[in-house]
PDB file of N, CA and C in Angstrom:
ATOM      1  N   MET A   1     145.323 198.427  88.117  1.00  0.00           N
ATOM      2  CA  MET A   1     144.886 197.658  88.731  1.00  0.00           C
ATOM      3  C   MET A   1     145.036 196.483  89.617  1.00  0.00           C
ATOM      4  N   SER A   2     144.219 195.644  90.421  1.00  0.00           N
ATOM      5  CA  SER A   2     144.733 194.840  91.250  1.00  0.00           C
ATOM      6  C   SER A   2     144.824 193.360  90.967  1.00  0.00           C
ATOM      7  N   PRO A   3     145.283 192.543  91.114  1.00  0.00           N
ATOM      8  CA  PRO A   3     145.486 190.872  90.866  1.00  0.00           C
ATOM      9  C   PRO A   3     144.043 190.485  90.297  1.00  0.00           C
ATOM     10  N   GLU A   4     142.806 190.891  90.659  1.00  0.00           N
ATOM     11  CA  GLU A   4     141.405 190.159  91.740  1.00  0.00           C
ATOM     12  C   GLU A   4     140.713 191.400  90.091  1.00  0.00           C
ATOM     13  N   GLU A   5     140.617 192.414  90.287  1.00  0.00           N
ATOM     14  CA  GLU A   5     139.889 192.629  89.440  1.00  0.00           C
ATOM     15  C   GLU A   5     140.444 192.821  87.696  1.00  0.00           C
ATOM     16  N   ARG A   6     142.145 191.731  87.792  1.00  0.00           N
ATOM     17  CA  ARG A   6     142.384 191.336  86.451  1.00  0.00           C
ATOM     18  C   ARG A   6     141.728 190.284  86.591  1.00  0.00           C
ATOM     19  N   SER A   7     141.774 189.417  86.716  1.00  0.00           N
ATOM     20  CA  SER A   7     140.734 188.350  87.100  1.00  0.00           C
ATOM     21  C   SER A   7     139.260 188.163  86.764  1.00  0.00           C
ATOM     22  N   LYS A   8     138.660 189.447  86.810  1.00  0.00           N
ATOM     23  CA  LYS A   8     137.244 188.864  86.694  1.00  0.00           C
ATOM     24  C   LYS A   8     137.271 189.578  85.548  1.00  0.00           C
ATOM     25  N   VAL A   9     138.266 190.112  85.023  1.00  0.00           N
ATOM     26  CA  VAL A   9     138.215 190.933  83.439  1.00  0.00           C
ATOM     27  C   VAL A   9     138.929 188.890  81.993  1.00  0.00           C
ATOM     28  N   PHE A  10     139.993 188.815  82.240  1.00  0.00           N
ATOM     29  CA  PHE A  10     140.357 187.147  81.951  1.00  0.00           C
ATOM     30  C   PHE A  10     138.929 186.686  82.369  1.00  0.00           C
ATOM     31  N   LYS A  11     138.511 186.766  83.469  1.00  0.00           N
ATOM     32  CA  LYS A  11     137.983 185.749  83.294  1.00  0.00           C
ATOM     33  C   LYS A  11     136.558 185.720  82.008  1.00  0.00           C
ATOM     34  N   ALA A  12     135.967 186.913  82.901  1.00  0.00           N
ATOM     35  CA  ALA A  12     134.793 187.685  81.513  1.00  0.00           C
ATOM     36  C   ALA A  12     135.108 186.778  80.461  1.00  0.00           C
ATOM     37  N   LEU A  13     136.593 187.548  79.661  1.00  0.00           N
ATOM     38  CA  LEU A  13     136.754 186.989  78.492  1.00  0.00           C
ATOM     39  C   LEU A  13     136.954 185.487  78.293  1.00  0.00           C
ATOM     40  N   SER A  14     137.197 184.382  78.862  1.00  0.00           N
ATOM     41  CA  SER A  14     137.506 183.236  78.198  1.00  0.00           C
ATOM     42  C   SER A  14     135.724 182.558  77.953  1.00  0.00           C
ATOM     43  N   ASP A  15     135.307 183.382  77.797  1.00  0.00           N
ATOM     44  CA  ASP A  15     133.384 182.697  76.971  1.00  0.00           C
ATOM     45  C   ASP A  15     134.280 183.144  75.600  1.00  0.00           C
ATOM     46  N   PRO A  16     133.510 182.475  74.328  1.00  0.00           N
ATOM     47  CA  PRO A  16     134.127 182.970  73.414  1.00  0.00           C
ATOM     48  C   PRO A  16     133.705 183.506  72.706  1.00  0.00           C
ATOM     49  N   ARG A  17     132.804 183.862  73.158  1.00  0.00           N
ATOM     50  CA  ARG A  17     130.785 183.932  73.265  1.00  0.00           C
ATOM     51  C   ARG A  17     130.664 185.632  73.893  1.00  0.00           C
ATOM     52  N   ARG A  18     131.731 185.844  74.726  1.00  0.00           N
ATOM     53  CA  ARG A  18     132.223 187.257  74.353  1.00  0.00           C
ATOM     54  C   ARG A  18     132.935 187.902  73.822  1.00  0.00           C
ATOM     55  N   VAL A  19     133.512 187.543  73.705  1.00  0.00           N
ATOM     56  CA  VAL A  19     135.757 188.090  72.709  1.00  0.00           C
ATOM     57  C   VAL A  19     134.498 188.313  72.061  1.00  0.00           C
ATOM     58  N   GLU A  20     133.982 188.042  70.641  1.00  0.00           N
ATOM     59  CA  GLU A  20     132.814 188.320  69.576  1.00  0.00           C
ATOM     60  C   GLU A  20     132.254 189.409  70.410  1.00  0.00           C
ATOM     61  N   ILE A  21     132.238 189.012  71.705  1.00  0.00           N
ATOM     62  CA  ILE A  21     130.674 191.078  71.733  1.00  0.00           C
ATOM     63  C   ILE A  21     131.643 191.858  71.309  1.00  0.00           C
ATOM     64  N   VAL A  22     132.676 191.486  72.038  1.00  0.00           N
ATOM     65  CA  VAL A  22     134.254 192.789  72.736  1.00  0.00           C
ATOM     66  C   VAL A  22     134.496 193.039  71.301  1.00  0.00           C
ATOM     67  N   GLU A  23     134.858 192.391  69.980  1.00  0.00           N
ATOM     68  CA  GLU A  23     135.819 192.371  69.224  1.00  0.00           C
ATOM     69  C   GLU A  23     134.423 193.148  68.474  1.00  0.00           C
ATOM     70  N   GLN A  24     132.918 192.783  68.049  1.00  0.00           N
ATOM     71  CA  GLN A  24     131.922 194.017  67.264  1.00  0.00           C
ATOM     72  C   GLN A  24     131.676 195.212  67.595  1.00  0.00           C
ATOM     73  N   LEU A  25     132.205 194.969  69.511  1.00  0.00           N
ATOM     74  CA  LEU A  25     132.098 196.402  70.738  1.00  0.00           C
ATOM     75  C   LEU A  25     132.474 197.612  70.045  1.00  0.00           C
ATOM     76  N   ALA A  26     134.206 196.707  70.254  1.00  0.00           N
ATOM     77  CA  ALA A  26     135.368 197.537  69.212  1.00  0.00           C
ATOM     78  C   ALA A  26     135.211 198.150  68.074  1.00  0.00           C
ATOM     79  N   LYS A  27     134.205 198.025  67.207  1.00  0.00           N
ATOM     80  CA  LYS A  27     134.091 198.642  65.840  1.00  0.00           C
ATOM     81  C   LYS A  27     132.997 200.040  66.459  1.00  0.00           C
ATOM     82  N   GLY A  28     132.798 199.891  67.271  1.00  0.00           N
ATOM     83  CA  GLY A  28     131.985 201.695  68.170  1.00  0.00           C
ATOM     84  C   GLY A  28     130.618 200.813  68.177  1.00  0.00           C
ATOM     85  N   SER A  29     130.440 201.700  68.899  1.00  0.00           N
ATOM     86  CA  SER A  29     128.834 201.753  69.946  1.00  0.00           C
ATOM     87  C   SER A  29     127.647 200.825  69.319  1.00  0.00           C
ATOM     88  N   GLN A  30     126.535 199.700  70.129  1.00  0.00           N
ATOM     89  CA  GLN A  30     125.307 199.523  69.314  1.00  0.00           C
ATOM     90  C   GLN A  30     124.122 198.576  70.743  1.00  0.00           C
ATOM     91  N   CYS A  31     123.275 199.297  69.626  1.00  0.00           N
ATOM     92  CA  CYS A  31     122.543 198.886  70.241  1.00  0.00           C
ATOM     93  C   CYS A  31     121.830 197.165  70.956  1.00  0.00           C
ATOM     94  N   GLY A  32     121.408 196.545  71.366  1.00  0.00           N
ATOM     95  CA  GLY A  32     121.216 195.778  72.338  1.00  0.00           C
ATOM     96  C   GLY A  32     120.743 194.009  70.689  1.00  0.00           C
ATOM     97  N   THR A  33     120.081 195.050  69.892  1.00  0.00           N
ATOM     98  CA  THR A  33     119.089 194.303  69.268  1.00  0.00           C
ATOM     99  C   THR A  33     119.883 193.488  67.851  1.00  0.00           C
ATOM    100  N   ALA A  34     120.524 195.363  67.230  1.00  0.00           N
ATOM    101  CA  ALA A  34     121.112 194.797  66.373  1.00  0.00           C
ATOM    102  C   ALA A  34     122.197 193.599  66.892  1.00  0.00           C
ATOM    103  N   LEU A  35     122.737 194.319  68.333  1.00  0.00           N
ATOM    104  CA  LEU A  35     124.444 193.796  68.651  1.00  0.00           C
ATOM    105  C   LEU A  35     123.944 190.893  68.057  1.00  0.00           C
ATOM    106  N   ALA A  36     123.002 191.373  68.413  1.00  0.00           N
ATOM    107  CA  ALA A  36     122.672 189.827  69.067  1.00  0.00           C
ATOM    108  C   ALA A  36     122.570 189.038  67.358  1.00  0.00           C
ATOM    109  N   GLU A  37     121.519 189.946  66.427  1.00  0.00           N
ATOM    110  CA  GLU A  37     121.455 189.919  65.402  1.00  0.00           C
ATOM    111  C   GLU A  37     122.904 189.783  64.513  1.00  0.00           C
ATOM    112  N   SER A  38     124.024 190.978  65.066  1.00  0.00           N
ATOM    113  CA  SER A  38     125.222 190.556  64.049  1.00  0.00           C
ATOM    114  C   SER A  38     125.751 189.277  64.073  1.00  0.00           C
ATOM    115  N   LEU A  39     125.556 188.880  65.993  1.00  0.00           N
ATOM    116  CA  LEU A  39     126.545 187.574  66.457  1.00  0.00           C
ATOM    117  C   LEU A  39     125.191 185.986  65.783  1.00  0.00           C
ATOM    118  N   GLY A  40     123.899 186.298  65.494  1.00  0.00           N
ATOM    119  CA  GLY A  40     122.882 185.607  65.413  1.00  0.00           C
ATOM    120  C   GLY A  40     123.044 184.404  66.199  1.00  0.00           C
ATOM    121  N   ILE A  41     122.228 185.564  67.942  1.00  0.00           N
ATOM    122  CA  ILE A  41     122.211 184.874  69.455  1.00  0.00           C
ATOM    123  C   ILE A  41     121.301 185.962  69.584  1.00  0.00           C
ATOM    124  N   SER A  42     120.478 185.148  70.759  1.00  0.00           N
ATOM    125  CA  SER A  42     118.664 186.022  70.784  1.00  0.00           C
ATOM    126  C   SER A  42     119.306 186.941  71.780  1.00  0.00           C
ATOM    127  N   VAL A  43     118.347 187.933  71.713  1.00  0.00           N
ATOM    128  CA  VAL A  43     118.185 189.524  72.830  1.00  0.00           C
ATOM    129  C   VAL A  43     118.644 189.002  74.267  1.00  0.00           C
ATOM    130  N   ALA A  44     118.088 187.876  74.176  1.00  0.00           N
ATOM    131  CA  ALA A  44     118.352 187.213  75.247  1.00  0.00           C
ATOM    132  C   ALA A  44     119.558 186.794  76.748  1.00  0.00           C
ATOM    133  N   LEU A  45     120.280 185.870  75.200  1.00  0.00           N
ATOM    134  CA  LEU A  45     121.374 185.222  75.546  1.00  0.00           C
ATOM    135  C   LEU A  45     122.768 186.685  75.783  1.00  0.00           C
ATOM    136  N   LEU A  46     122.178 187.487  74.778  1.00  0.00           N
ATOM    137  CA  LEU A  46     122.829 188.744  74.868  1.00  0.00           C
ATOM    138  C   LEU A  46     122.991 189.510  76.261  1.00  0.00           C
ATOM    139  N   SER A  47     122.043 189.659  76.580  1.00  0.00           N
ATOM    140  CA  SER A  47     122.141 190.193  77.940  1.00  0.00           C
ATOM    141  C   SER A  47     122.828 189.297  78.811  1.00  0.00           C
ATOM    142  N   HIS A  48     122.683 187.519  78.947  1.00  0.00           N
ATOM    143  CA  HIS A  48     124.050 187.552  79.690  1.00  0.00           C
ATOM    144  C   HIS A  48     125.422 187.667  79.944  1.00  0.00           C
ATOM    145  N   HIS A  49     125.572 187.801  78.579  1.00  0.00           N
ATOM    146  CA  HIS A  49     127.107 188.062  78.417  1.00  0.00           C
ATOM    147  C   HIS A  49     127.608 189.525  78.737  1.00  0.00           C
ATOM    148  N   TRP A  50     125.590 190.675  78.579  1.00  0.00           N
ATOM    149  CA  TRP A  50     126.555 191.706  78.229  1.00  0.00           C
ATOM    150  C   TRP A  50     126.538 191.720  81.012  1.00  0.00           C
ATOM    151  N   GLU A  51     126.158 190.271  81.408  1.00  0.00           N
ATOM    152  CA  GLU A  51     125.710 191.205  81.803  1.00  0.00           C
ATOM    153  C   GLU A  51     127.052 190.718  83.046  1.00  0.00           C
ATOM    154  N   VAL A  52     127.661 189.742  82.299  1.00  0.00           N
ATOM    155  CA  VAL A  52     129.787 188.714  82.900  1.00  0.00           C
ATOM    156  C   VAL A  52     130.372 190.372  83.062  1.00  0.00           C
ATOM    157  N   LEU A  53     129.934 190.883  81.041  1.00  0.00           N
ATOM    158  CA  LEU A  53     131.252 191.605  80.912  1.00  0.00           C
ATOM    159  C   LEU A  53     130.702 192.939  81.342  1.00  0.00           C
ATOM    160  N   VAL A  54     129.828 193.404  81.621  1.00  0.00           N
ATOM    161  CA  VAL A  54     128.911 194.620  82.939  1.00  0.00           C
ATOM    162  C   VAL A  54     130.016 194.745  84.241  1.00  0.00           C
ATOM    163  N   GLN A  55     130.000 193.334  84.375  1.00  0.00           N
ATOM    164  CA  GLN A  55     130.144 193.012  85.802  1.00  0.00           C
ATOM    165  C   GLN A  55     132.405 193.609  86.072  1.00  0.00           C
ATOM    166  N   ALA A  56     132.121 192.708  85.130  1.00  0.00           N
ATOM    167  CA  ALA A  56     134.148 193.363  84.981  1.00  0.00           C
ATOM    168  C   ALA A  56     133.661 194.367  85.092  1.00  0.00           C
ATOM    169  N   GLY A  57     133.651 195.507  84.652  1.00  0.00           N
ATOM    170  CA  GLY A  57     133.594 196.452  83.922  1.00  0.00           C
ATOM    171  C   GLY A  57     134.583 195.819  82.303  1.00  0.00           C
ATOM    172  N   VAL A  58     134.485 195.605  81.894  1.00  0.00           N
ATOM    173  CA  VAL A  58     134.591 195.989  80.554  1.00  0.00           C
ATOM    174  C   VAL A  58     133.958 196.464  79.750  1.00  0.00           C
ATOM    175  N   LEU A  59     132.086 196.578  80.148  1.00  0.00           N
ATOM    176  CA  LEU A  59     131.601 196.997  78.890  1.00  0.00           C
ATOM    177  C   LEU A  59     130.833 198.343  79.589  1.00  0.00           C
ATOM    178  N   LYS A  60     129.744 199.359  79.357  1.00  0.00           N
ATOM    179  CA  LYS A  60     128.500 199.874  79.902  1.00  0.00           C
ATOM    180  C   LYS A  60     128.025 199.853  79.161  1.00  0.00           C
ATOM    181  N   LYS A  61     126.317 199.734  79.525  1.00  0.00           N
ATOM    182  CA  LYS A  61     125.398 199.996  78.720  1.00  0.00           C
ATOM    183  C   LYS A  61     124.665 201.568  79.829  1.00  0.00           C
ATOM    184  N   GLU A  62     124.297 201.860  78.306  1.00  0.00           N
ATOM    185  CA  GLU A  62     124.125 203.325  78.684  1.00  0.00           C
ATOM    186  C   GLU A  62     122.251 203.071  78.154  1.00  0.00           C
ATOM    187  N   ARG A  63     120.800 203.250  78.549  1.00  0.00           N
ATOM    188  CA  ARG A  63     119.720 203.196  77.920  1.00  0.00           C
ATOM    189  C   ARG A  63     119.892 205.182  77.005  1.00  0.00           C
ATOM    190  N   GLN A  64     119.113 204.666  76.416  1.00  0.00           N
ATOM    191  CA  GLN A  64     119.028 205.819  75.170  1.00  0.00           C
ATOM    192  C   GLN A  64     117.417 205.330  74.729  1.00  0.00           C
ATOM    193  N   GLY A  65     116.413 206.685  75.842  1.00  0.00           N
ATOM    194  CA  GLY A  65     114.766 205.866  75.351  1.00  0.00           C
ATOM    195  C   GLY A  65     115.100 204.746  75.728  1.00  0.00           C
ATOM    196  N   GLN A  66     113.818 203.465  74.527  1.00  0.00           N
ATOM    197  CA  GLN A  66     113.973 202.660  75.131  1.00  0.00           C
ATOM    198  C   GLN A  66     114.690 201.063  74.695  1.00  0.00           C
ATOM    199  N   ARG A  67     115.967 201.818  74.218  1.00  0.00           N
ATOM    200  CA  ARG A  67     116.935 201.546  73.402  1.00  0.00           C
ATOM    201  C   ARG A  67     118.342 201.345  74.519  1.00  0.00           C
ATOM    202  N   ARG A  68     119.274 199.980  74.924  1.00  0.00           N
ATOM    203  CA  ARG A  68     120.311 199.793  75.540  1.00  0.00           C
ATOM    204  C   ARG A  68     122.180 199.590  74.964  1.00  0.00           C
ATOM    205  N   VAL A  69     122.460 201.142  74.723  1.00  0.00           N
ATOM    206  CA  VAL A  69     123.376 200.576  73.904  1.00  0.00           C
ATOM    207  C   VAL A  69     124.932 200.067  75.216  1.00  0.00           C
ATOM    208  N   CYS A  70     126.239 199.584  74.404  1.00  0.00           N
ATOM    209  CA  CYS A  70     127.007 198.559  74.357  1.00  0.00           C
ATOM    210  C   CYS A  70     127.394 199.759  74.011  1.00  0.00           C
ATOM    211  N   SER A  71     129.100 200.402  75.229  1.00  0.00           N
ATOM    212  CA  SER A  71     130.514 199.788  74.454  1.00  0.00           C
ATOM    213  C   SER A  71     131.691 199.906  75.049  1.00  0.00           C
ATOM    214  N   LEU A  72     132.089 199.920  75.134  1.00  0.00           N
ATOM    215  CA  LEU A  72     133.201 199.109  75.452  1.00  0.00           C
ATOM    216  C   LEU A  72     134.647 200.389  76.638  1.00  0.00           C
ATOM    217  N   GLU A  73     134.799 199.854  77.444  1.00  0.00           N
ATOM    218  CA  GLU A  73     135.649 200.409  78.170  1.00  0.00           C
ATOM    219  C   GLU A  73     136.889 200.580  78.320  1.00  0.00           C
ATOM    220  N   CYS A  74     137.542 200.933  77.101  1.00  0.00           N
ATOM    221  CA  CYS A  74     139.011 200.723  76.393  1.00  0.00           C
ATOM    222  C   CYS A  74     139.883 200.878  77.830  1.00  0.00           C
ATOM    223  N   ASP A  75     139.225 202.246  78.795  1.00  0.00           N
ATOM    224  CA  ASP A  75     141.261 202.225  79.257  1.00  0.00           C
ATOM    225  C   ASP A  75     140.996 200.900  80.081  1.00  0.00           C
ATOM    226  N   ARG A  76     139.680 200.113  80.845  1.00  0.00           N
ATOM    227  CA  ARG A  76     139.484 198.709  81.618  1.00  0.00           C
ATOM    228  C   ARG A  76     140.646 197.655  81.009  1.00  0.00           C
ATOM    229  N   LEU A  77     140.359 197.410  79.956  1.00  0.00           N
ATOM    230  CA  LEU A  77     140.493 196.320  78.572  1.00  0.00           C
ATOM    231  C   LEU A  77     141.321 196.190  78.741  1.00  0.00           C
ATOM    232  N   ARG A  78     142.583 197.601  78.379  1.00  0.00           N
ATOM    233  CA  ARG A  78     144.239 198.498  78.375  1.00  0.00           C
ATOM    234  C   ARG A  78     144.683 197.858  79.242  1.00  0.00           C
ATOM    235  N   GLU A  79     144.612 197.963  80.452  1.00  0.00           N
ATOM    236  CA  GLU A  79     145.291 198.172  81.669  1.00  0.00           C
ATOM    237  C   GLU A  79     145.198 196.242  82.371  1.00  0.00           C
ATOM    238  N   ALA A  80     143.471 195.959  81.325  1.00  0.00           N
ATOM    239  CA  ALA A  80     144.177 194.758  82.607  1.00  0.00           C
ATOM    240  C   ALA A  80     145.373 194.096  81.900  1.00  0.00           C
ATOM    241  N   MET A  81     145.194 194.207  80.105  1.00  0.00           N
ATOM    242  CA  MET A  81     146.686 193.599  78.933  1.00  0.00           C
ATOM    243  C   MET A  81     147.950 194.557  79.574  1.00  0.00           C
ATOM    244  N   THR A  82     148.084 195.113  79.626  1.00  0.00           N
ATOM    245  CA  THR A  82     150.178 195.412  79.845  1.00  0.00           C
ATOM    246  C   THR A  82     150.144 194.993  81.808  1.00  0.00           C
ATOM    247  N   MET A  83     149.399 194.413  82.949  1.00  0.00           N
ATOM    248  CA  MET A  83     149.601 193.983  83.888  1.00  0.00           C
ATOM    249  C   MET A  83     149.586 194.477  84.957  1.00  0.00           C
ATOM    250  N   GLY A  84     149.378 195.964  84.588  1.00  0.00           N
ATOM    251  CA  GLY A  84     149.060 197.326  85.931  1.00  0.00           C
ATOM    252  C   GLY A  84     150.667 197.367  85.489  1.00  0.00           C
ATOM    253  N   GLY A  85     150.608 196.731  84.301  1.00  0.00           N
ATOM    254  CA  GLY A  85     152.048 198.126  83.641  1.00  0.00           C
ATOM    255  C   GLY A  85     153.549 197.957  84.443  1.00  0.00           C
ATOM    256  N   ALA A  86     153.709 195.820  85.389  1.00  0.00           N
ATOM    257  CA  ALA A  86     154.583 195.129  85.361  1.00  0.00           C
ATOM    258  C   ALA A  86     154.708 194.862  84.310  1.00  0.00           C
ATOM    259  N   TRP A  87     155.098 194.283  83.439  1.00  0.00           N
ATOM    260  CA  TRP A  87     155.198 194.555  81.778  1.00  0.00           C
ATOM    261  C   TRP A  87     154.487 194.151  81.421  1.00  0.00           C
ATOM    262  N   GLU A  88     154.154 194.904  80.221  1.00  0.00           N
ATOM    263  CA  GLU A  88     154.339 195.172  78.551  1.00  0.00           C
ATOM    264  C   GLU A  88     153.749 193.830  78.322  1.00  0.00           C
ATOM    265  N   LEU A  89     152.294 193.242  77.148  1.00  0.00           N
ATOM    266  CA  LEU A  89     152.317 192.302  76.219  1.00  0.00           C
ATOM    267  C   LEU A  89     152.622 192.409  74.851  1.00  0.00           C
ATOM    268  N   SER A  90     152.616 192.616  74.102  1.00  0.00           N
ATOM    269  CA  SER A  90     153.350 193.424  72.342  1.00  0.00           C
ATOM    270  C   SER A  90     152.349 191.630  71.610  1.00  0.00           C
ATOM    271  N   LEU A  91     152.005 192.186  70.425  1.00  0.00           N
ATOM    272  CA  LEU A  91     150.653 191.153  70.298  1.00  0.00           C
ATOM    273  C   LEU A  91     151.209 190.814  69.536  1.00  0.00           C
ATOM    274  N   ALA A  92     151.869 191.939  68.581  1.00  0.00           N
ATOM    275  CA  ALA A  92     152.368 192.327  66.872  1.00  0.00           C
ATOM    276  C   ALA A  92     153.996 191.584  67.433  1.00  0.00           C
ATOM    277  N   GLY A  93     155.080 191.326  67.778  1.00  0.00           N
ATOM    278  CA  GLY A  93     155.599 190.909  68.394  1.00  0.00           C
ATOM    279  C   GLY A  93     156.232 189.681  68.871  1.00  0.00           C
ATOM    280  N   SER A  94     157.200 189.830  69.975  1.00  0.00           N
ATOM    281  CA  SER A  94     157.996 189.154  70.572  1.00  0.00           C
ATOM    282  C   SER A  94     157.549 189.515  72.017  1.00  0.00           C
ATOM    283  N   GLU A  95     156.931 188.861  73.131  1.00  0.00           N
ATOM    284  CA  GLU A  95     157.048 189.378  73.865  1.00  0.00           C
ATOM    285  C   GLU A  95     158.279 189.658  75.441  1.00  0.00           C
ATOM    286  N   PRO A  96     158.076 190.286  75.438  1.00  0.00           N
ATOM    287  CA  PRO A  96     159.742 190.818  76.547  1.00  0.00           C
ATOM    288  C   PRO A  96     159.586 189.735  77.548  1.00  0.00           C
ATOM    289  N   ASP A  97     160.620 189.082  78.534  1.00  0.00           N
ATOM    290  CA  ASP A  97     159.722 188.714  80.023  1.00  0.00           C
ATOM    291  C   ASP A  97     159.850 189.263  80.935  1.00  0.00           C
ATOM    292  N   PRO A  98     158.708 188.447  81.510  1.00  0.00           N
ATOM    293  CA  PRO A  98     158.314 189.348  82.780  1.00  0.00           C
ATOM    294  C   PRO A  98     159.567 189.864  83.940  1.00  0.00           C
ATOM    295  N   PRO A  99     159.862 190.342  85.021  1.00  0.00           N
ATOM    296  CA  PRO A  99     160.855 190.730  85.351  1.00  0.00           C
ATOM    297  C   PRO A  99     161.024 189.923  85.632  1.00  0.00           C
ATOM    298  N   HIS A 100     160.865 188.996  86.467  1.00  0.00           N
ATOM    299  CA  HIS A 100     161.043 188.145  87.920  1.00  0.00           C
ATOM    300  C   HIS A 100     162.065 186.571  87.094  1.00  0.00           C
ATOM    301  N   ALA A 101     161.778 186.688  85.314  1.00  0.00           N
ATOM    302  CA  ALA A 101     162.562 184.858  85.174  1.00  0.00           C
ATOM    303  C   ALA A 101     163.412 186.000  85.384  1.00  0.00           C
ATOM    304  N   LYS A 102     164.592 184.145  84.631  1.00  0.00           N
ATOM    305  CA  LYS A 102     166.126 184.163  85.112  1.00  0.00           C
ATOM    306  C   LYS A 102     165.868 183.713  83.339  1.00  0.00           C
ATOM    307  N   LYS A 103     167.662 184.952  83.335  1.00  0.00           N
ATOM    308  CA  LYS A 103     168.147 183.999  82.279  1.00  0.00           C
ATOM    309  C   LYS A 103     168.514 183.287  81.986  1.00  0.00           C
ATOM    310  N   ARG A 104     168.672 182.050  80.863  1.00  0.00           N
ATOM    311  CA  ARG A 104     169.930 181.716  80.416  1.00  0.00           C
ATOM    312  C   ARG A 104     170.103 181.297  79.510  1.00  0.00           C
ATOM    313  N   THR A 105     171.631 181.385  79.562  1.00  0.00           N
ATOM    314  CA  THR A 105     172.250 181.054  77.906  1.00  0.00           C
ATOM    315  C   THR A 105     173.294 180.284  77.884  1.00  0.00           C
ATOM    316  N   PRO A 106     173.584 179.944  76.545  1.00  0.00           N
ATOM    317  CA  PRO A 106     174.647 178.928  76.239  1.00  0.00           C
ATOM    318  C   PRO A 106     175.471 178.716  77.399  1.00  0.00           C
ATOM    319  N   ALA A 107     175.787 179.836  77.938  1.00  0.00           N
ATOM    320  CA  ALA A 107     177.380 179.648  78.258  1.00  0.00           C
ATOM    321  C   ALA A 107     176.960 178.685  79.791  1.00  0.00           C
ATOM    322  N   LYS A 108     175.706 179.703  80.309  1.00  0.00           N
ATOM    323  CA  LYS A 108     175.623 179.549  81.298  1.00  0.00           C
ATOM    324  C   LYS A 108     175.001 177.732  82.034  1.00  0.00           C
ATOM    325  N   ARG A 109     174.571 176.823  80.435  1.00  0.00           N
ATOM    326  CA  ARG A 109     174.376 176.052  80.470  1.00  0.00           C
ATOM    327  C   ARG A 109     175.395 175.003  80.501  1.00  0.00           C
ATOM    328  N   ALA A 110     176.739 175.039  80.075  1.00  0.00           N
ATOM    329  CA  ALA A 110     177.577 174.898  79.762  1.00  0.00           C
ATOM    330  C   ALA A 110     178.436 174.042  80.588  1.00  0.00           C
ATOM    331  N   ALA A 111     178.398 175.380  81.356  1.00  0.00           N
ATOM    332  CA  ALA A 111     179.136 175.773  82.502  1.00  0.00           C
ATOM    333  C   ALA A 111     178.398 175.404  83.629  1.00  0.00           C
ATOM    334  N   ARG A 112     177.093 174.638  83.434  1.00  0.00           N
ATOM    335  CA  ARG A 112     176.343 172.929  84.950  1.00  0.00           C
ATOM    336  C   ARG A 112     177.172 172.189  84.312  1.00  0.00           C
ATOM    337  N   PRO A 113     177.597 171.562  85.703  1.00  0.00           N
ATOM    338  CA  PRO A 113     177.867 170.907  86.182  1.00  0.00           C
ATOM    339  C   PRO A 113     177.394 169.227  85.314  1.00  0.00           C
ATOM    340  N   LYS A 114     176.781 168.572  84.302  1.00  0.00           N
ATOM    341  CA  LYS A 114     176.845 166.614  84.065  1.00  0.00           C
ATOM    342  C   LYS A 114     176.104 166.302  85.730  1.00  0.00           C
ATOM    343  N   VAL A 115     175.021 165.762  85.582  1.00  0.00           N
ATOM    344  CA  VAL A 115     174.833 164.409  86.244  1.00  0.00           C
ATOM    345  C   VAL A 115     174.979 163.566  85.819  1.00  0.00           C
ATOM    346  N   LYS A 116     174.957 162.499  86.323  1.00  0.00           N
ATOM    347  CA  LYS A 116     174.939 161.336  85.968  1.00  0.00           C
ATOM    348  C   LYS A 116     173.709 160.341  86.283  1.00  0.00           C
ATOM    349  N   ARG A 117     172.465 160.197  85.396  1.00  0.00           N
ATOM    350  CA  ARG A 117     171.187 159.540  86.615  1.00  0.00           C
ATOM    351  C   ARG A 117     171.421 157.621  86.132  1.00  0.00           C
ATOM    352  N   ALA A 118     171.824 156.837  87.833  1.00  0.00           N
ATOM    353  CA  ALA A 118     171.234 155.461  87.151  1.00  0.00           C
ATOM    354  C   ALA A 118     170.600 155.907  86.907  1.00  0.00           C
ATOM    355  N   LYS A 119     170.846 154.377  86.296  1.00  0.00           N
ATOM    356  CA  LYS A 119     170.218 153.233  84.948  1.00  0.00           C
ATOM    357  C   LYS A 119     169.321 152.529  86.425  1.00  0.00           C
ATOM    358  N   GLN A 120     168.082 152.423  85.204  1.00  0.00           N
ATOM    359  CA  GLN A 120     166.923 152.201  86.591  1.00  0.00           C
ATOM    360  C   GLN A 120     166.739 150.156  85.685  1.00  0.00           C
ATOM    361  N   PRO A 121     166.605 149.038  87.186  1.00  0.00           N
ATOM    362  CA  PRO A 121     165.807 147.838  85.701  1.00  0.00           C
ATOM    363  C   PRO A 121     164.848 147.930  84.846  1.00  0.00           C
ATOM    364  N   ALA A 122     165.275 147.146  84.671  1.00  0.00           N
ATOM    365  CA  ALA A 122     164.553 146.045  83.823  1.00  0.00           C
ATOM    366  C   ALA A 122     163.198 145.851  84.229  1.00  0.00           C
TER     367      ALA A 122
END
């Protein structure tokens, strides 16, 4: 996934209401009316948020008769969250350092020369 595509996913998830929608759909696919009721919002507002999430590739909508059923694109979300495999995010424990992070150990800090700062006039 390119950085631009990943950015779209994160931008779509920057709204708390959209995160709620994703959390609800993580439990299973739902039709728009049921989803709007469970979130306590209008179908029109849900439709607006749906479009943003669909454009980002986070959700997919399918028409089943007169209903629109929405479900998560789990693979796309997973790919965005793993940063394209560059480094994995761990939600349960500590996060590993990104590959470009510099390691600073206490021994390295102690070996650095001390810099004396000039006193500022009062």
